[in-house]
Amino acid sequence: MIRTFDWSLEKEPLSRPLHPAKGSRSVIMDALDLATTLRGQGWDWSHRVHIPRETRPTDRTGFTFHVILSAVLHSIISGVFSSAIRSFSPRGLGAPSGGSIFDETLPFYVWYPRACVISVFAAFTVYSAIQSLYDICTIIGVLIFQQDPARWPPAFDCPVAWHQFFRRTFLTQGGYPLSFILGKAGIAIGSFISSALFHHVGILPLNDRAEAWRMVVGFGMMAPGIIAEDAFRQLTGRKVGGVVGWAWTMAWFSVWGNVIIDAFARGGVFGHMELVDRAVPGRAVIHGLVTNFDAWLRTV
């Protein structure tokens, strides 16, 4: 349904000028690729999607070995940070029913930094989980379906650090439609609202009592930040960057990023990662360190 709405906005037929080196032209295979590709490699609509530059070995053996190591490493990293999050509150964050990252029984100067630490751990958890899942899909594509490694470019990059898998989806489902009403600002606002609803729907199977407004507020407030940066660029002729730009970004994320992570936590996302935690080496050590750290915070 999402792709159907996406394609309905196209004024011209989509074309695939770049076919896989070892692939053959097939209408059926092109249709399947178009329906499943997230970043549109090889398609004419992907020219605005950031595809990270390849830094891994290009030969099939070296590439596969590198991806397998990455899958194992990032699975462990995801499990370590997930286990750490659950250790902060086994009956809250660690429960399938979910719990808040904000412990308001503590003084503000304690519970808010504590929530920021949990959010940082959550960022590493999500990043590593996405990377390991992408690596597993890459292994399946290259080893089982014998696809060209070039069809599986890196998921993350710098400075465009976060993945671009759903960029077009959020633009077509929210950004472009709202731009007809609000202009350029509508692209940012609509895209982040679309992202909020997308993520909210994603956690509903875990907790059907999850509140959508938390996601909408958290993701939605990223739009004013982008609009403010664009206004700064127009006024000064310079993009937001450097140490001051980094501090501005971290300050904005420390407020609204916490709201996003709290929405995930209340939805029981971290509570449903127990299976991953059990496979983490040194789980007891992690639990002990976090528990002691949390106990120390409560004495500050």
C-alpha atoms as a PDB file:
ATOM      1  CA  MET A   1       0.000   0.000   0.000  1.00  0.00           C
ATOM      2  CA  ILE A   2       2.846   2.372   0.883  1.00  0.00           C
ATOM      3  CA  ARG A   3       4.571   1.756  -2.438  1.00  0.00           C
ATOM      4  CA  THR A   4       1.288   2.128  -4.337  1.00  0.00           C
ATOM      5  CA  PHE A   5       0.819   5.606  -2.869  1.00  0.00           C
ATOM      6  CA  ASP A   6       4.464   6.348  -3.578  1.00  0.00           C
ATOM      7  CA  TRP A   7       4.201   5.419  -7.243  1.00  0.00           C
ATOM      8  CA  SER A   8       0.960   7.359  -7.681  1.00  0.00           C
ATOM      9  CA  LEU A   9       2.969  10.574  -7.221  1.00  0.00           C
ATOM     10  CA  GLU A  10       5.301   9.789 -10.116  1.00  0.00           C
ATOM     11  CA  LYS A  11       4.789  11.828 -13.287  1.00  0.00           C
ATOM     12  CA  GLU A  12       6.915   9.537 -15.466  1.00  0.00           C
ATOM     13  CA  PRO A  13       7.568   5.766 -15.497  1.00  0.00           C
ATOM     14  CA  LEU A  14      10.351   4.645 -13.180  1.00  0.00           C
ATOM     15  CA  SER A  15      13.407   3.321 -14.988  1.00  0.00           C
ATOM     16  CA  ARG A  16      16.377   1.205 -13.977  1.00  0.00           C
ATOM     17  CA  PRO A  17      19.374   2.424 -15.991  1.00  0.00           C
ATOM     18  CA  LEU A  18      21.873   0.510 -13.844  1.00  0.00           C
ATOM     19  CA  HIS A  19      21.276  -3.241 -13.837  1.00  0.00           C
ATOM     20  CA  PRO A  20      23.328  -5.723 -11.768  1.00  0.00           C
ATOM     21  CA  ALA A  21      26.548  -6.684 -13.531  1.00  0.00           C
ATOM     22  CA  LYS A  22      25.654 -10.399 -13.608  1.00  0.00           C
ATOM     23  CA  GLY A  23      21.909  -9.945 -13.871  1.00  0.00           C
ATOM     24  CA  SER A  24      19.682 -10.213 -16.907  1.00  0.00           C
ATOM     25  CA  ARG A  25      16.946  -7.801 -17.869  1.00  0.00           C
ATOM     26  CA  SER A  26      13.589  -9.121 -16.724  1.00  0.00           C
ATOM     27  CA  VAL A  27      10.324  -7.265 -16.238  1.00  0.00           C
ATOM     28  CA  ILE A  28       9.360  -9.584 -13.377  1.00  0.00           C
ATOM     29  CA  MET A  29      12.694  -9.218 -11.573  1.00  0.00           C
ATOM     30  CA  ASP A  30      12.625  -5.458 -12.087  1.00  0.00           C
ATOM     31  CA  ALA A  31       9.124  -5.341 -10.596  1.00  0.00           C
ATOM     32  CA  LEU A  32      10.205  -7.397  -7.577  1.00  0.00           C
ATOM     33  CA  ASP A  33      13.268  -5.247  -7.072  1.00  0.00           C
ATOM     34  CA  LEU A  34      11.229  -2.047  -7.322  1.00  0.00           C
ATOM     35  CA  ALA A  35       8.688  -3.347  -4.803  1.00  0.00           C
ATOM     36  CA  THR A  36      11.288  -4.391  -2.228  1.00  0.00           C
ATOM     37  CA  THR A  37      14.213  -1.981  -2.582  1.00  0.00           C
ATOM     38  CA  LEU A  38      14.382   0.670   0.131  1.00  0.00           C
ATOM     39  CA  ARG A  39      17.087   2.955  -1.227  1.00  0.00           C
ATOM     40  CA  GLY A  40      16.533   2.320  -4.932  1.00  0.00           C
ATOM     41  CA  GLN A  41      20.081   1.426  -5.980  1.00  0.00           C
ATOM     42  CA  GLY A  42      20.188   1.445  -9.775  1.00  0.00           C
ATOM     43  CA  TRP A  43      16.812   3.187 -10.142  1.00  0.00           C
ATOM     44  CA  ASP A  44      16.393   6.737 -11.351  1.00  0.00           C
ATOM     45  CA  TRP A  45      14.503   7.774  -8.197  1.00  0.00           C
ATOM     46  CA  SER A  46      17.487   7.096  -5.922  1.00  0.00           C
ATOM     47  CA  HIS A  47      19.558  10.089  -7.071  1.00  0.00           C
ATOM     48  CA  ARG A  48      18.610  12.065  -3.933  1.00  0.00           C
ATOM     49  CA  VAL A  49      19.140   9.171  -1.528  1.00  0.00           C
ATOM     50  CA  HIS A  50      22.544   9.101   0.141  1.00  0.00           C
ATOM     51  CA  ILE A  51      24.244   5.784  -0.613  1.00  0.00           C
ATOM     52  CA  PRO A  52      27.391   5.406   1.542  1.00  0.00           C
ATOM     53  CA  ARG A  53      30.700   4.848  -0.207  1.00  0.00           C
ATOM     54  CA  GLU A  54      31.911   1.244  -0.082  1.00  0.00           C
ATOM     55  CA  THR A  55      34.830   0.724   2.314  1.00  0.00           C
ATOM     56  CA  ARG A  56      34.648  -3.067   2.671  1.00  0.00           C
ATOM     57  CA  PRO A  57      36.574  -5.597   0.528  1.00  0.00           C
ATOM     58  CA  THR A  58      35.096  -5.815  -2.965  1.00  0.00           C
ATOM     59  CA  ASP A  59      35.905  -9.475  -3.678  1.00  0.00           C
ATOM     60  CA  ARG A  60      33.118 -11.882  -2.731  1.00  0.00           C
ATOM     61  CA  THR A  61      35.155 -13.893  -0.187  1.00  0.00           C
ATOM     62  CA  GLY A  62      36.584 -10.893   1.633  1.00  0.00           C
ATOM     63  CA  PHE A  63      33.247  -9.081   1.522  1.00  0.00           C
ATOM     64  CA  THR A  64      31.354 -12.054   2.970  1.00  0.00           C
ATOM     65  CA  PHE A  65      33.907 -12.591   5.748  1.00  0.00           C
ATOM     66  CA  HIS A  66      33.769  -8.895   6.664  1.00  0.00           C
ATOM     67  CA  VAL A  67      29.956  -8.884   6.779  1.00  0.00           C
ATOM     68  CA  ILE A  68      29.811 -12.039   8.928  1.00  0.00           C
ATOM     69  CA  LEU A  69      32.218 -10.496  11.443  1.00  0.00           C
ATOM     70  CA  SER A  70      30.155  -7.305  11.431  1.00  0.00           C
ATOM     71  CA  ALA A  71      26.937  -9.254  12.062  1.00  0.00           C
ATOM     72  CA  VAL A  72      28.456 -11.060  15.052  1.00  0.00           C
ATOM     73  CA  LEU A  73      30.089  -7.933  16.493  1.00  0.00           C
ATOM     74  CA  HIS A  74      27.022  -5.721  16.191  1.00  0.00           C
ATOM     75  CA  SER A  75      24.762  -8.433  17.592  1.00  0.00           C
ATOM     76  CA  ILE A  76      26.961  -8.549  20.690  1.00  0.00           C
ATOM     77  CA  ILE A  77      27.058  -4.744  20.977  1.00  0.00           C
ATOM     78  CA  SER A  78      23.283  -4.547  20.676  1.00  0.00           C
ATOM     79  CA  GLY A  79      22.865  -7.203  23.339  1.00  0.00           C
ATOM     80  CA  VAL A  80      25.322  -5.519  25.716  1.00  0.00           C
ATOM     81  CA  PHE A  81      23.583  -2.145  25.612  1.00  0.00           C
ATOM     82  CA  SER A  82      20.126  -3.715  25.672  1.00  0.00           C
ATOM     83  CA  SER A  83      21.098  -5.677  28.770  1.00  0.00           C
ATOM     84  CA  ALA A  84      22.436  -2.486  30.339  1.00  0.00           C
ATOM     85  CA  ILE A  85      19.130  -0.680  29.718  1.00  0.00           C
ATOM     86  CA  ARG A  86      17.116  -3.501  31.253  1.00  0.00           C
ATOM     87  CA  SER A  87      19.385  -3.486  34.301  1.00  0.00           C
ATOM     88  CA  PHE A  88      18.371   0.086  35.143  1.00  0.00           C
ATOM     89  CA  SER A  89      14.842  -1.101  35.898  1.00  0.00           C
ATOM     90  CA  PRO A  90      14.199  -4.859  35.541  1.00  0.00           C
ATOM     91  CA  ARG A  91      10.527  -4.466  36.519  1.00  0.00           C
ATOM     92  CA  GLY A  92       9.990  -1.431  34.287  1.00  0.00           C
ATOM     93  CA  LEU A  93      12.294  -1.124  31.307  1.00  0.00           C
ATOM     94  CA  GLY A  94      13.034  -4.841  31.518  1.00  0.00           C
ATOM     95  CA  ALA A  95       9.387  -5.909  31.505  1.00  0.00           C
ATOM     96  CA  PRO A  96       7.421  -6.698  28.316  1.00  0.00           C
ATOM     97  CA  SER A  97       4.728  -4.277  29.499  1.00  0.00           C
ATOM     98  CA  GLY A  98       7.298  -1.488  29.381  1.00  0.00           C
ATOM     99  CA  GLY A  99       8.235   1.383  31.653  1.00  0.00           C
ATOM    100  CA  SER A 100       9.459   4.966  31.525  1.00  0.00           C
ATOM    101  CA  ILE A 101      13.093   6.036  31.357  1.00  0.00           C
ATOM    102  CA  PHE A 102      12.133   8.939  33.619  1.00  0.00           C
ATOM    103  CA  ASP A 103      12.216   7.983  37.299  1.00  0.00           C
ATOM    104  CA  GLU A 104      10.514  10.998  38.835  1.00  0.00           C
ATOM    105  CA  THR A 105      10.916   9.640  42.353  1.00  0.00           C
ATOM    106  CA  LEU A 106      14.437  11.061  42.073  1.00  0.00           C
ATOM    107  CA  PRO A 107      15.409  14.754  41.989  1.00  0.00           C
ATOM    108  CA  PHE A 108      15.319  16.324  38.516  1.00  0.00           C
ATOM    109  CA  TYR A 109      19.094  16.821  38.442  1.00  0.00           C
ATOM    110  CA  VAL A 110      19.429  13.044  38.878  1.00  0.00           C
ATOM    111  CA  TRP A 111      16.574  11.522  36.876  1.00  0.00           C
ATOM    112  CA  TYR A 112      17.133  13.594  33.752  1.00  0.00           C
ATOM    113  CA  PRO A 113      20.865  12.792  33.331  1.00  0.00           C
ATOM    114  CA  ARG A 114      19.946   9.176  34.135  1.00  0.00           C
ATOM    115  CA  ALA A 115      17.395   9.260  31.310  1.00  0.00           C
ATOM    116  CA  CYS A 116      20.031  10.731  28.973  1.00  0.00           C
ATOM    117  CA  VAL A 117      22.387   7.839  29.760  1.00  0.00           C
ATOM    118  CA  ILE A 118      19.622   5.346  28.995  1.00  0.00           C
ATOM    119  CA  SER A 119      18.887   7.159  25.719  1.00  0.00           C
ATOM    120  CA  VAL A 120      22.539   6.956  24.670  1.00  0.00           C
ATOM    121  CA  PHE A 121      22.538   3.237  25.445  1.00  0.00           C
ATOM    122  CA  ALA A 122      19.319   2.902  23.438  1.00  0.00           C
ATOM    123  CA  ALA A 123      20.891   4.673  20.456  1.00  0.00           C
ATOM    124  CA  PHE A 124      23.752   2.159  20.419  1.00  0.00           C
ATOM    125  CA  THR A 125      21.253  -0.684  20.841  1.00  0.00           C
ATOM    126  CA  VAL A 126      19.111   0.392  17.893  1.00  0.00           C
ATOM    127  CA  TYR A 127      22.064   1.209  15.644  1.00  0.00           C
ATOM    128  CA  SER A 128      23.751  -2.134  16.312  1.00  0.00           C
ATOM    129  CA  ALA A 129      20.508  -4.083  15.924  1.00  0.00           C
ATOM    130  CA  ILE A 130      19.775  -2.480  12.545  1.00  0.00           C
ATOM    131  CA  GLN A 131      23.349  -3.037  11.379  1.00  0.00           C
ATOM    132  CA  SER A 132      23.396  -6.701  12.417  1.00  0.00           C
ATOM    133  CA  LEU A 133      20.004  -7.331  10.768  1.00  0.00           C
ATOM    134  CA  TYR A 134      21.210  -5.649   7.579  1.00  0.00           C
ATOM    135  CA  ASP A 135      24.375  -7.758   7.681  1.00  0.00           C
ATOM    136  CA  ILE A 136      22.305 -10.938   7.988  1.00  0.00           C
ATOM    137  CA  CYS A 137      20.170  -9.902   5.011  1.00  0.00           C
ATOM    138  CA  THR A 138      23.363  -9.115   3.093  1.00  0.00           C
ATOM    139  CA  ILE A 139      24.774 -12.572   3.830  1.00  0.00           C
ATOM    140  CA  ILE A 140      21.552 -14.200   2.615  1.00  0.00           C
ATOM    141  CA  GLY A 141      21.538 -12.120  -0.554  1.00  0.00           C
ATOM    142  CA  VAL A 142      25.193 -12.698  -1.426  1.00  0.00           C
ATOM    143  CA  LEU A 143      25.623 -16.338  -0.357  1.00  0.00           C
ATOM    144  CA  ILE A 144      22.208 -17.876  -1.018  1.00  0.00           C
ATOM    145  CA  PHE A 145      20.890 -15.772  -3.892  1.00  0.00           C
ATOM    146  CA  GLN A 146      24.370 -15.105  -5.322  1.00  0.00           C
ATOM    147  CA  GLN A 147      23.775 -11.387  -5.640  1.00  0.00           C
ATOM    148  CA  ASP A 148      26.541  -8.953  -6.461  1.00  0.00           C
ATOM    149  CA  PRO A 149      28.001  -7.455  -3.228  1.00  0.00           C
ATOM    150  CA  ALA A 150      27.621  -4.047  -4.888  1.00  0.00           C
ATOM    151  CA  ARG A 151      23.868  -4.406  -4.409  1.00  0.00           C
ATOM    152  CA  TRP A 152      24.411  -4.269  -0.660  1.00  0.00           C
ATOM    153  CA  PRO A 153      26.152  -0.941   0.067  1.00  0.00           C
ATOM    154  CA  PRO A 154      26.838   0.084   3.686  1.00  0.00           C
ATOM    155  CA  ALA A 155      23.801   0.984   5.776  1.00  0.00           C
ATOM    156  CA  PHE A 156      25.382   3.817   7.768  1.00  0.00           C
ATOM    157  CA  ASP A 157      27.816   6.576   6.915  1.00  0.00           C
ATOM    158  CA  CYS A 158      29.295   9.827   8.178  1.00  0.00           C
ATOM    159  CA  PRO A 159      28.397  12.719   8.224  1.00  0.00           C
ATOM    160  CA  VAL A 160      25.015  11.455   6.987  1.00  0.00           C
ATOM    161  CA  ALA A 161      25.291   8.981   9.811  1.00  0.00           C
ATOM    162  CA  TRP A 162      21.835   7.434  10.141  1.00  0.00           C
ATOM    163  CA  HIS A 163      20.498   4.973   7.602  1.00  0.00           C
ATOM    164  CA  GLN A 164      18.360   6.231   4.696  1.00  0.00           C
ATOM    165  CA  PHE A 165      16.151   3.141   4.315  1.00  0.00           C
ATOM    166  CA  PHE A 166      12.836   4.926   4.845  1.00  0.00           C
ATOM    167  CA  ARG A 167      13.709   8.409   3.612  1.00  0.00           C
ATOM    168  CA  ARG A 168      11.578   8.156   0.479  1.00  0.00           C
ATOM    169  CA  THR A 169       8.720   6.528   2.393  1.00  0.00           C
ATOM    170  CA  PHE A 170       8.534   9.379   4.898  1.00  0.00           C
ATOM    171  CA  LEU A 171       8.768  11.977   2.144  1.00  0.00           C
ATOM    172  CA  THR A 172       6.001  10.489   0.016  1.00  0.00           C
ATOM    173  CA  GLN A 173       3.717   9.628   2.948  1.00  0.00           C
ATOM    174  CA  GLY A 174       4.063  12.928   4.768  1.00  0.00           C
ATOM    175  CA  GLY A 175       6.666  15.369   3.514  1.00  0.00           C
ATOM    176  CA  TYR A 176       5.514  15.949  -0.053  1.00  0.00           C
ATOM    177  CA  PRO A 177       1.747  16.038   0.697  1.00  0.00           C
ATOM    178  CA  LEU A 178       2.192  18.571   3.525  1.00  0.00           C
ATOM    179  CA  SER A 179       4.526  20.679   1.374  1.00  0.00           C
ATOM    180  CA  PHE A 180       1.524  21.601  -0.785  1.00  0.00           C
ATOM    181  CA  ILE A 181       0.107  23.395   2.271  1.00  0.00           C
ATOM    182  CA  LEU A 182       3.154  24.586   4.226  1.00  0.00           C
ATOM    183  CA  GLY A 183       5.773  24.785   1.507  1.00  0.00           C
ATOM    184  CA  LYS A 184       9.355  23.825   2.293  1.00  0.00           C
ATOM    185  CA  ALA A 185       8.675  23.642   6.034  1.00  0.00           C
ATOM    186  CA  GLY A 186       5.946  21.111   5.324  1.00  0.00           C
ATOM    187  CA  ILE A 187       8.505  18.669   3.944  1.00  0.00           C
ATOM    188  CA  ALA A 188      10.308  18.499   7.298  1.00  0.00           C
ATOM    189  CA  ILE A 189       7.145  18.518   9.414  1.00  0.00           C
ATOM    190  CA  GLY A 190       5.296  15.952   7.301  1.00  0.00           C
ATOM    191  CA  SER A 191       8.298  13.627   7.039  1.00  0.00           C
ATOM    192  CA  PHE A 192       8.863  13.491  10.786  1.00  0.00           C
ATOM    193  CA  ILE A 193       5.169  13.035  11.556  1.00  0.00           C
ATOM    194  CA  SER A 194       5.149  10.178   9.046  1.00  0.00           C
ATOM    195  CA  SER A 195       8.215   8.732  10.771  1.00  0.00           C
ATOM    196  CA  ALA A 196       6.501   9.025  14.156  1.00  0.00           C
ATOM    197  CA  LEU A 197       3.408   7.144  13.005  1.00  0.00           C
ATOM    198  CA  PHE A 198       5.571   4.537  11.263  1.00  0.00           C
ATOM    199  CA  HIS A 199       7.496   3.814  14.459  1.00  0.00           C
ATOM    200  CA  HIS A 200       4.341   3.877  16.578  1.00  0.00           C
ATOM    201  CA  VAL A 201       2.673   1.264  14.381  1.00  0.00           C
ATOM    202  CA  GLY A 202       5.861  -0.785  14.702  1.00  0.00           C
ATOM    203  CA  ILE A 203       5.544  -1.104  18.488  1.00  0.00           C
ATOM    204  CA  LEU A 204       1.780  -1.728  18.603  1.00  0.00           C
ATOM    205  CA  PRO A 205       2.219  -5.523  18.257  1.00  0.00           C
ATOM    206  CA  LEU A 206       4.344  -5.382  21.424  1.00  0.00           C
ATOM    207  CA  ASN A 207       1.993  -3.134  23.381  1.00  0.00           C
ATOM    208  CA  ASP A 208      -1.384  -2.132  21.986  1.00  0.00           C
ATOM    209  CA  ARG A 209      -1.719   0.471  24.751  1.00  0.00           C
ATOM    210  CA  ALA A 210       1.266   2.477  23.513  1.00  0.00           C
ATOM    211  CA  GLU A 211       0.457   6.180  23.197  1.00  0.00           C
ATOM    212  CA  ALA A 212       0.994   7.697  19.756  1.00  0.00           C
ATOM    213  CA  TRP A 213       1.407  11.251  21.008  1.00  0.00           C
ATOM    214  CA  ARG A 214       4.783  10.492  22.561  1.00  0.00           C
ATOM    215  CA  MET A 215       6.194   9.418  19.205  1.00  0.00           C
ATOM    216  CA  VAL A 216       4.544  12.343  17.417  1.00  0.00           C
ATOM    217  CA  VAL A 217       5.983  14.877  19.860  1.00  0.00           C
ATOM    218  CA  GLY A 218       9.455  13.329  19.921  1.00  0.00           C
ATOM    219  CA  PHE A 219       9.882  12.900  16.183  1.00  0.00           C
ATOM    220  CA  GLY A 220       7.771  15.937  15.326  1.00  0.00           C
ATOM    221  CA  MET A 221      10.019  18.312  17.255  1.00  0.00           C
ATOM    222  CA  MET A 222      12.941  17.338  15.044  1.00  0.00           C
ATOM    223  CA  ALA A 223      11.275  19.362  12.278  1.00  0.00           C
ATOM    224  CA  PRO A 224      11.494  22.746  14.074  1.00  0.00           C
ATOM    225  CA  GLY A 225      15.164  22.008  14.702  1.00  0.00           C
ATOM    226  CA  ILE A 226      15.780  21.520  10.982  1.00  0.00           C
ATOM    227  CA  ILE A 227      13.709  24.597  10.126  1.00  0.00           C
ATOM    228  CA  ALA A 228      15.758  26.636  12.625  1.00  0.00           C
ATOM    229  CA  GLU A 229      19.003  25.400  11.047  1.00  0.00           C
ATOM    230  CA  ASP A 230      17.727  26.341   7.593  1.00  0.00           C
ATOM    231  CA  ALA A 231      16.789  29.818   8.866  1.00  0.00           C
ATOM    232  CA  PHE A 232      20.287  30.179  10.335  1.00  0.00           C
ATOM    233  CA  ARG A 233      21.817  29.247   6.977  1.00  0.00           C
ATOM    234  CA  GLN A 234      19.684  31.787   5.128  1.00  0.00           C
ATOM    235  CA  LEU A 235      20.520  34.561   7.605  1.00  0.00           C
ATOM    236  CA  THR A 236      24.259  33.929   7.893  1.00  0.00           C
ATOM    237  CA  GLY A 237      25.106  32.112   4.680  1.00  0.00           C
ATOM    238  CA  ARG A 238      26.736  29.357   6.730  1.00  0.00           C
ATOM    239  CA  LYS A 239      25.532  25.881   7.638  1.00  0.00           C
ATOM    240  CA  VAL A 240      25.282  24.815  11.252  1.00  0.00           C
ATOM    241  CA  GLY A 241      28.469  22.922  12.014  1.00  0.00           C
ATOM    242  CA  GLY A 242      31.646  22.703  14.048  1.00  0.00           C
ATOM    243  CA  VAL A 243      31.772  22.395  17.823  1.00  0.00           C
ATOM    244  CA  VAL A 244      28.890  24.818  18.325  1.00  0.00           C
ATOM    245  CA  GLY A 245      26.765  22.957  15.777  1.00  0.00           C
ATOM    246  CA  TRP A 246      27.537  19.650  17.453  1.00  0.00           C
ATOM    247  CA  ALA A 247      26.605  21.108  20.859  1.00  0.00           C
ATOM    248  CA  TRP A 248      23.340  22.456  19.418  1.00  0.00           C
ATOM    249  CA  THR A 249      22.475  19.057  17.950  1.00  0.00           C
ATOM    250  CA  MET A 250      23.248  17.206  21.173  1.00  0.00           C
ATOM    251  CA  ALA A 251      21.218  19.702  23.210  1.00  0.00           C
ATOM    252  CA  TRP A 252      18.203  19.262  20.929  1.00  0.00           C
ATOM    253  CA  PHE A 253      18.528  15.479  21.006  1.00  0.00           C
ATOM    254  CA  SER A 254      18.941  15.431  24.784  1.00  0.00           C
ATOM    255  CA  VAL A 255      15.441  16.896  25.041  1.00  0.00           C
ATOM    256  CA  TRP A 256      13.401  15.369  22.238  1.00  0.00           C
ATOM    257  CA  GLY A 257      15.488  12.244  21.759  1.00  0.00           C
ATOM    258  CA  ASN A 258      14.616  11.308  25.328  1.00  0.00           C
ATOM    259  CA  VAL A 259      10.922  11.608  24.481  1.00  0.00           C
ATOM    260  CA  ILE A 260      11.383   9.202  21.552  1.00  0.00           C
ATOM    261  CA  ILE A 261      13.296   6.653  23.620  1.00  0.00           C
ATOM    262  CA  ASP A 262      10.723   6.957  26.398  1.00  0.00           C
ATOM    263  CA  ALA A 263       7.992   6.112  23.872  1.00  0.00           C
ATOM    264  CA  PHE A 264       9.891   2.979  22.833  1.00  0.00           C
ATOM    265  CA  ALA A 265      10.526   2.037  26.472  1.00  0.00           C
ATOM    266  CA  ARG A 266       6.876   2.485  27.454  1.00  0.00           C
ATOM    267  CA  GLY A 267       5.953   0.345  24.460  1.00  0.00           C
ATOM    268  CA  GLY A 268       7.971  -2.545  25.878  1.00  0.00           C
ATOM    269  CA  VAL A 269      10.607  -2.623  23.137  1.00  0.00           C
ATOM    270  CA  PHE A 270      13.520  -3.215  25.510  1.00  0.00           C
ATOM    271  CA  GLY A 271      11.498  -5.647  27.589  1.00  0.00           C
ATOM    272  CA  HIS A 272      11.070  -7.862  24.538  1.00  0.00           C
ATOM    273  CA  MET A 273      14.826  -8.118  23.935  1.00  0.00           C
ATOM    274  CA  GLU A 274      15.459 -10.652  26.695  1.00  0.00           C
ATOM    275  CA  LEU A 275      16.299 -13.389  24.185  1.00  0.00           C
ATOM    276  CA  VAL A 276      19.089 -11.212  22.772  1.00  0.00           C
ATOM    277  CA  ASP A 277      20.335 -10.410  26.265  1.00  0.00           C
ATOM    278  CA  ARG A 278      20.659 -14.071  27.185  1.00  0.00           C
ATOM    279  CA  ALA A 279      23.200 -14.581  24.406  1.00  0.00           C
ATOM    280  CA  VAL A 280      25.414 -11.735  25.635  1.00  0.00           C
ATOM    281  CA  PRO A 281      28.714 -12.840  27.189  1.00  0.00           C
ATOM    282  CA  GLY A 282      29.309 -11.418  30.652  1.00  0.00           C
ATOM    283  CA  ARG A 283      25.680 -10.524  31.189  1.00  0.00           C
ATOM    284  CA  ALA A 284      26.025 -10.770  34.977  1.00  0.00           C
ATOM    285  CA  VAL A 285      28.973  -8.361  34.926  1.00  0.00           C
ATOM    286  CA  ILE A 286      27.009  -5.820  32.877  1.00  0.00           C
ATOM    287  CA  HIS A 287      24.030  -6.109  35.204  1.00  0.00           C
ATOM    288  CA  GLY A 288      26.259  -5.624  38.241  1.00  0.00           C
ATOM    289  CA  LEU A 289      28.007  -2.552  36.832  1.00  0.00           C
ATOM    290  CA  VAL A 290      24.771  -0.849  35.800  1.00  0.00           C
ATOM    291  CA  THR A 291      23.020  -1.717  39.054  1.00  0.00           C
ATOM    292  CA  ASN A 292      25.896  -0.251  41.077  1.00  0.00           C
ATOM    293  CA  PHE A 293      25.958   2.858  38.878  1.00  0.00           C
ATOM    294  CA  ASP A 294      22.211   3.320  39.295  1.00  0.00           C
ATOM    295  CA  ALA A 295      22.507   2.850  43.051  1.00  0.00           C
ATOM    296  CA  TRP A 296      25.251   5.495  43.153  1.00  0.00           C
ATOM    297  CA  LEU A 297      23.054   7.933  41.210  1.00  0.00           C
ATOM    298  CA  ARG A 298      20.338   7.527  43.809  1.00  0.00           C
ATOM    299  CA  THR A 299      22.732   8.661  46.532  1.00  0.00           C
ATOM    300  CA  VAL A 300      23.797  11.854  44.745  1.00  0.00           C
END
